Amino acid sequence: DNFSTAGWPTCGEIDIMEQKGSDMNRIYSTLHYLGHSGGSAIGSSFLINNVTTAFHKYGLIWTSASLQFLVDDVVCYTFTNSSSLPFNQNFFMILNMAMGGTFGGNVDPAFNSAVMEVDYVRVYQ
């Protein structure tokens, strides 16, 4: 919520689910903040064998004490939160299909289309 005044990565970024086109079955849950951004971000990755053929539920249980990342209701990564971190303010939500860059790597020259299918998005408070 304070991106315009604090800038990135000081404002923080929570990636509930990321994936690379070159490794579709590996899912990443990542946190970016000052001192831990780009290649130094904090998080975890895990394999889901049928990620491209079945819907999965990606979730985040976010409190002032921790951020728990879930896949299909199973906690896959827990991060300890504190008042000194940017994860205690309002954030905006982005659904994004990123292409290329340092995380995604080079885009295959034969690439011509992709689909991001979302069944639903829910936010509980």
Protein backbone atom coordinates (compact mmCIF):
# COMPACT_ATOMS: atom_id res chain seq x y z
CA ASP A 1 0.00 0.00 0.00
CA ASN A 2 3.00 2.31 0.49
CA PHE A 3 4.74 1.47 -2.79
CA SER A 4 4.56 5.07 -4.02
CA THR A 5 6.34 6.43 -0.91
CA ALA A 6 8.63 3.58 0.22
CA GLY A 7 9.44 2.05 -3.17
CA TRP A 8 10.35 -1.54 -3.89
CA PRO A 9 11.64 -3.62 -2.15
CA THR A 10 11.21 -1.55 1.05
CA CYS A 11 7.41 -1.78 0.70
CA GLY A 12 7.58 -5.59 0.62
CA GLU A 13 6.20 -8.13 -1.83
CA ILE A 14 4.45 -11.43 -1.09
CA ASP A 15 4.42 -13.98 -3.92
CA ILE A 16 1.93 -16.68 -2.90
CA MET A 17 2.52 -18.68 -6.07
CA GLU A 18 5.11 -18.23 -8.81
CA GLN A 19 6.17 -20.58 -11.54
CA LYS A 20 8.69 -20.61 -14.38
CA GLY A 21 7.67 -21.60 -17.88
CA SER A 22 10.79 -23.75 -18.09
CA ASP A 23 9.85 -25.73 -14.95
CA MET A 24 6.05 -25.70 -14.73
CA ASN A 25 5.75 -28.26 -11.92
CA ARG A 26 7.92 -26.30 -9.46
CA ILE A 27 5.95 -23.74 -7.46
CA TYR A 28 7.65 -20.91 -5.54
CA SER A 29 6.39 -18.98 -2.52
CA THR A 30 8.59 -15.93 -1.98
CA LEU A 31 8.92 -12.79 0.13
CA HIS A 32 10.83 -9.72 -1.02
CA TYR A 33 11.80 -6.85 1.27
CA LEU A 34 14.79 -4.60 1.98
CA GLY A 35 17.94 -6.76 2.02
CA HIS A 36 16.00 -9.75 0.65
CA SER A 37 14.91 -8.99 -2.91
CA GLY A 38 15.57 -10.35 -6.36
CA GLY A 39 17.97 -13.30 -6.11
CA SER A 40 18.23 -12.83 -2.31
CA ALA A 41 14.51 -13.20 -1.62
CA ILE A 42 13.28 -15.48 1.17
CA GLY A 43 11.02 -18.43 0.41
CA SER A 44 10.64 -22.00 -0.67
CA SER A 45 9.80 -24.10 -3.71
CA PHE A 46 8.08 -27.44 -4.08
CA LEU A 47 6.98 -29.83 -6.84
CA ILE A 48 3.39 -30.51 -7.90
CA ASN A 49 3.28 -33.22 -10.57
CA ASN A 50 -0.05 -32.28 -12.16
CA VAL A 51 0.11 -28.49 -11.90
CA THR A 52 -0.75 -28.00 -15.60
CA THR A 53 -3.60 -30.54 -15.75
CA ALA A 54 -5.57 -29.90 -12.54
CA PHE A 55 -6.66 -26.93 -10.45
CA HIS A 56 -4.85 -26.40 -7.16
CA LYS A 57 -5.62 -24.11 -4.24
CA TYR A 58 -2.79 -21.72 -3.30
CA GLY A 59 -3.22 -19.90 -0.04
CA LEU A 60 -1.66 -17.61 2.52
CA ILE A 61 -2.51 -17.41 6.21
CA TRP A 62 -1.10 -14.01 7.13
CA THR A 63 -0.84 -12.74 10.70
CA SER A 64 1.41 -10.33 12.58
CA ALA A 65 3.34 -13.41 13.83
CA SER A 66 3.76 -15.45 10.63
CA LEU A 67 2.98 -15.98 6.97
CA GLN A 68 2.03 -19.55 6.12
CA PHE A 69 1.97 -20.54 2.45
CA LEU A 70 -0.34 -23.42 1.54
CA VAL A 71 -0.96 -25.65 -1.46
CA ASP A 72 -4.19 -27.63 -1.42
CA ASP A 73 -4.63 -26.77 2.29
CA VAL A 74 -1.19 -28.13 3.27
CA VAL A 75 1.33 -25.67 4.77
CA CYS A 76 4.44 -25.79 2.57
CA TYR A 77 6.39 -22.86 4.00
CA THR A 78 6.19 -20.70 7.14
CA PHE A 79 7.91 -17.34 7.56
CA THR A 80 8.19 -15.60 10.94
CA ASN A 81 6.77 -12.08 10.74
CA SER A 82 7.61 -9.18 13.06
CA SER A 83 6.83 -5.49 13.51
CA SER A 84 10.17 -4.58 11.90
CA LEU A 85 9.11 -6.10 8.57
CA PRO A 86 6.83 -4.55 5.94
CA PHE A 87 4.31 -7.41 6.17
CA ASN A 88 2.05 -5.65 8.67
CA GLN A 89 0.30 -3.19 6.37
CA ASN A 90 -2.21 -3.28 3.53
CA PHE A 91 -1.02 -4.89 0.30
CA PHE A 92 -2.60 -4.91 -3.12
CA MET A 93 -3.15 -8.16 -5.02
CA ILE A 94 -1.84 -8.86 -8.50
CA LEU A 95 -2.55 -11.91 -10.65
CA ASN A 96 0.32 -11.94 -13.11
CA MET A 97 1.76 -14.10 -15.87
CA ALA A 98 5.37 -12.94 -16.02
CA MET A 99 7.53 -13.57 -19.05
CA GLY A 100 11.33 -13.54 -19.17
CA GLY A 101 13.42 -11.52 -16.76
CA THR A 102 15.97 -12.77 -14.27
CA PHE A 103 13.50 -15.16 -12.60
CA GLY A 104 11.81 -16.57 -15.68
CA GLY A 105 14.86 -16.57 -17.95
CA ASN A 106 14.86 -16.28 -21.71
CA VAL A 107 11.59 -16.81 -23.54
CA ASP A 108 11.75 -19.65 -26.06
CA PRO A 109 11.70 -18.13 -29.59
CA ALA A 110 9.06 -20.72 -30.57
CA PHE A 111 6.69 -19.48 -27.83
CA ASN A 112 3.42 -18.10 -29.20
CA SER A 113 0.76 -18.28 -26.46
CA ALA A 114 -0.03 -19.07 -22.83
CA VAL A 115 -3.08 -19.29 -20.61
CA MET A 116 -3.56 -18.39 -16.97
CA GLU A 117 -6.77 -20.01 -15.74
CA VAL A 118 -8.14 -18.88 -12.37
CA ASP A 119 -11.19 -20.58 -10.88
CA TYR A 120 -11.69 -18.13 -8.00
CA VAL A 121 -9.97 -15.66 -5.67
CA ARG A 122 -11.09 -15.28 -2.04
CA VAL A 123 -9.89 -12.92 0.67
CA TYR A 124 -10.94 -13.44 4.29
CA GLN A 125 -10.37 -11.03 7.15
